[in-house]
Amino acid sequence: MRALVAEIARFYVSDKSLRRAQQRMADLLSRGGDLPEKAVRAYLAEVRRYFEAFEREARAHLGDVDRRLAHASQLQYNLTAERGVTARRVEATQGVLARVGDLDDSR
C-alpha cells in the first residue's frame, strides 16, 4: 500500500476526492499498524475511479495524436509526390525552352 500511495503522490491530482483519499491513506500509513479494511477498500475504489477516467482520457488523446500523425504522414507523402511531378515539369519546360533558344539563336 505504501508503494501505491507513493506512486500516486508523484501525479499532479486536481480531483478533490482523490486528494482527500490520498491524504487519509497517507495519514493512516504514517501512524503504523494495520490498515482498516474499510479504509483500504474506500481508497482503492477512489483510486480506481480516478485512474480509469484518467486512462480513458489519455487513450482518447493518444488516438487523436495518432490520427493527426497519420494525416501528417499522408500529407508529407502527397507533397513529396507532388514535388516529383513538379520537378519533372520544370525539367521538361527547361528542355522546351532550351530548344526554343537554340532555334531562335540559329535564325
Protein backbone atom coordinates (compact mmCIF):
# COMPACT_ATOMS: atom_id res chain seq x y z
CA MET A 1 0.00 0.00 0.00
CA ARG A 2 2.89 2.37 0.75
CA ALA A 3 4.25 1.88 -2.76
CA LEU A 4 0.86 2.67 -4.32
CA VAL A 5 0.40 5.79 -2.18
CA ALA A 6 3.93 6.93 -3.09
CA GLU A 7 3.31 6.30 -6.79
CA ILE A 8 0.07 8.26 -6.80
CA ALA A 9 1.76 11.09 -4.88
CA ARG A 10 4.01 11.64 -7.93
CA PHE A 11 0.96 12.59 -10.03
CA TYR A 12 -0.48 16.07 -10.06
CA VAL A 13 -4.03 15.37 -8.93
CA SER A 14 -6.59 18.16 -9.04
CA ASP A 15 -9.50 15.89 -8.11
CA LYS A 16 -10.53 16.84 -4.57
CA SER A 17 -12.00 13.46 -3.73
CA LEU A 18 -8.82 11.59 -4.64
CA ARG A 19 -6.66 14.17 -2.88
CA ARG A 20 -8.68 13.65 0.33
CA ALA A 21 -8.48 9.87 0.00
CA GLN A 22 -4.75 10.10 -0.69
CA GLN A 23 -4.22 12.26 2.40
CA ARG A 24 -6.32 9.94 4.59
CA MET A 25 -4.34 6.90 3.45
CA ALA A 26 -1.00 8.70 3.92
CA ASP A 27 -2.10 9.63 7.46
CA LEU A 28 -3.11 6.05 8.24
CA LEU A 29 0.20 4.75 6.92
CA SER A 30 2.18 7.26 8.95
CA ARG A 31 0.50 6.02 12.15
CA GLY A 32 1.71 2.49 11.51
CA GLY A 33 -0.15 -0.66 12.40
CA ASP A 34 -2.81 -2.47 10.44
CA LEU A 35 -4.89 -0.52 7.99
CA PRO A 36 -8.67 -0.73 8.44
CA GLU A 37 -10.14 -2.86 5.65
CA LYS A 38 -12.93 -0.37 5.06
CA ALA A 39 -10.40 2.46 4.60
CA VAL A 40 -8.32 0.36 2.19
CA ARG A 41 -11.38 -0.54 0.11
CA ALA A 42 -12.55 3.07 0.01
CA TYR A 43 -9.09 4.25 -1.02
CA LEU A 44 -8.74 1.65 -3.76
CA ALA A 45 -12.21 2.45 -5.09
CA GLU A 46 -11.34 6.15 -5.26
CA VAL A 47 -8.02 5.43 -6.98
CA ARG A 48 -9.75 3.13 -9.47
CA ARG A 49 -12.46 5.72 -10.22
CA TYR A 50 -9.95 8.46 -10.88
CA PHE A 51 -7.40 6.47 -12.85
CA GLU A 52 -9.97 4.69 -15.02
CA ALA A 53 -11.24 8.10 -16.14
CA PHE A 54 -7.66 9.33 -16.50
CA GLU A 55 -6.82 6.32 -18.67
CA ARG A 56 -9.88 6.85 -20.90
CA GLU A 57 -8.88 10.48 -21.40
CA ALA A 58 -5.26 9.55 -22.12
CA ARG A 59 -6.29 6.85 -24.61
CA ALA A 60 -8.62 9.28 -26.40
CA HIS A 61 -5.80 11.82 -26.62
CA LEU A 62 -3.41 9.13 -27.89
CA GLY A 63 -5.93 8.19 -30.58
CA ASP A 64 -6.24 11.84 -31.59
CA VAL A 65 -2.46 12.24 -31.81
CA ASP A 66 -2.18 9.01 -33.83
CA ARG A 67 -4.83 10.28 -36.29
CA ARG A 68 -3.03 13.61 -36.62
CA LEU A 69 0.29 11.85 -37.20
CA ALA A 70 -1.30 9.66 -39.88
CA HIS A 71 -2.70 12.78 -41.53
CA ALA A 72 0.72 14.48 -41.38
CA SER A 73 2.36 11.38 -42.87
CA GLN A 74 -0.19 11.28 -45.70
CA LEU A 75 0.32 14.99 -46.31
CA GLN A 76 4.10 14.52 -46.45
CA TYR A 77 3.68 11.60 -48.87
CA ASN A 78 1.35 13.65 -51.10
CA LEU A 79 3.67 16.67 -51.07
CA THR A 80 6.67 14.51 -51.93
CA ALA A 81 4.77 13.04 -54.89
CA GLU A 82 3.63 16.49 -55.96
CA ARG A 83 7.19 17.77 -55.74
CA GLY A 84 8.36 14.95 -58.00
CA VAL A 85 5.73 15.78 -60.62
CA THR A 86 6.58 19.48 -60.44
CA ALA A 87 10.33 18.81 -60.72
CA ARG A 88 9.70 16.74 -63.85
CA ARG A 89 7.62 19.61 -65.26
CA VAL A 90 10.47 22.04 -64.61
CA GLU A 91 12.90 19.71 -66.40
CA ALA A 92 10.52 19.29 -69.33
CA THR A 93 9.89 23.02 -69.68
CA GLN A 94 13.61 23.72 -69.43
CA GLY A 95 14.12 21.29 -72.30
CA VAL A 96 11.48 23.02 -74.41
CA LEU A 97 12.89 26.46 -73.61
CA ALA A 98 16.42 25.29 -74.45
CA ARG A 99 15.22 24.05 -77.85
CA VAL A 100 13.37 27.30 -78.46
CA GLY A 101 16.52 29.18 -77.56
CA ASP A 102 18.61 27.03 -79.91
CA LEU A 103 16.17 27.56 -82.77
CA ASP A 104 15.83 31.26 -82.07
CA ASP A 105 19.62 31.73 -81.90
CA SER A 106 20.08 29.95 -85.22
CA ARG A 107 17.94 32.42 -87.15
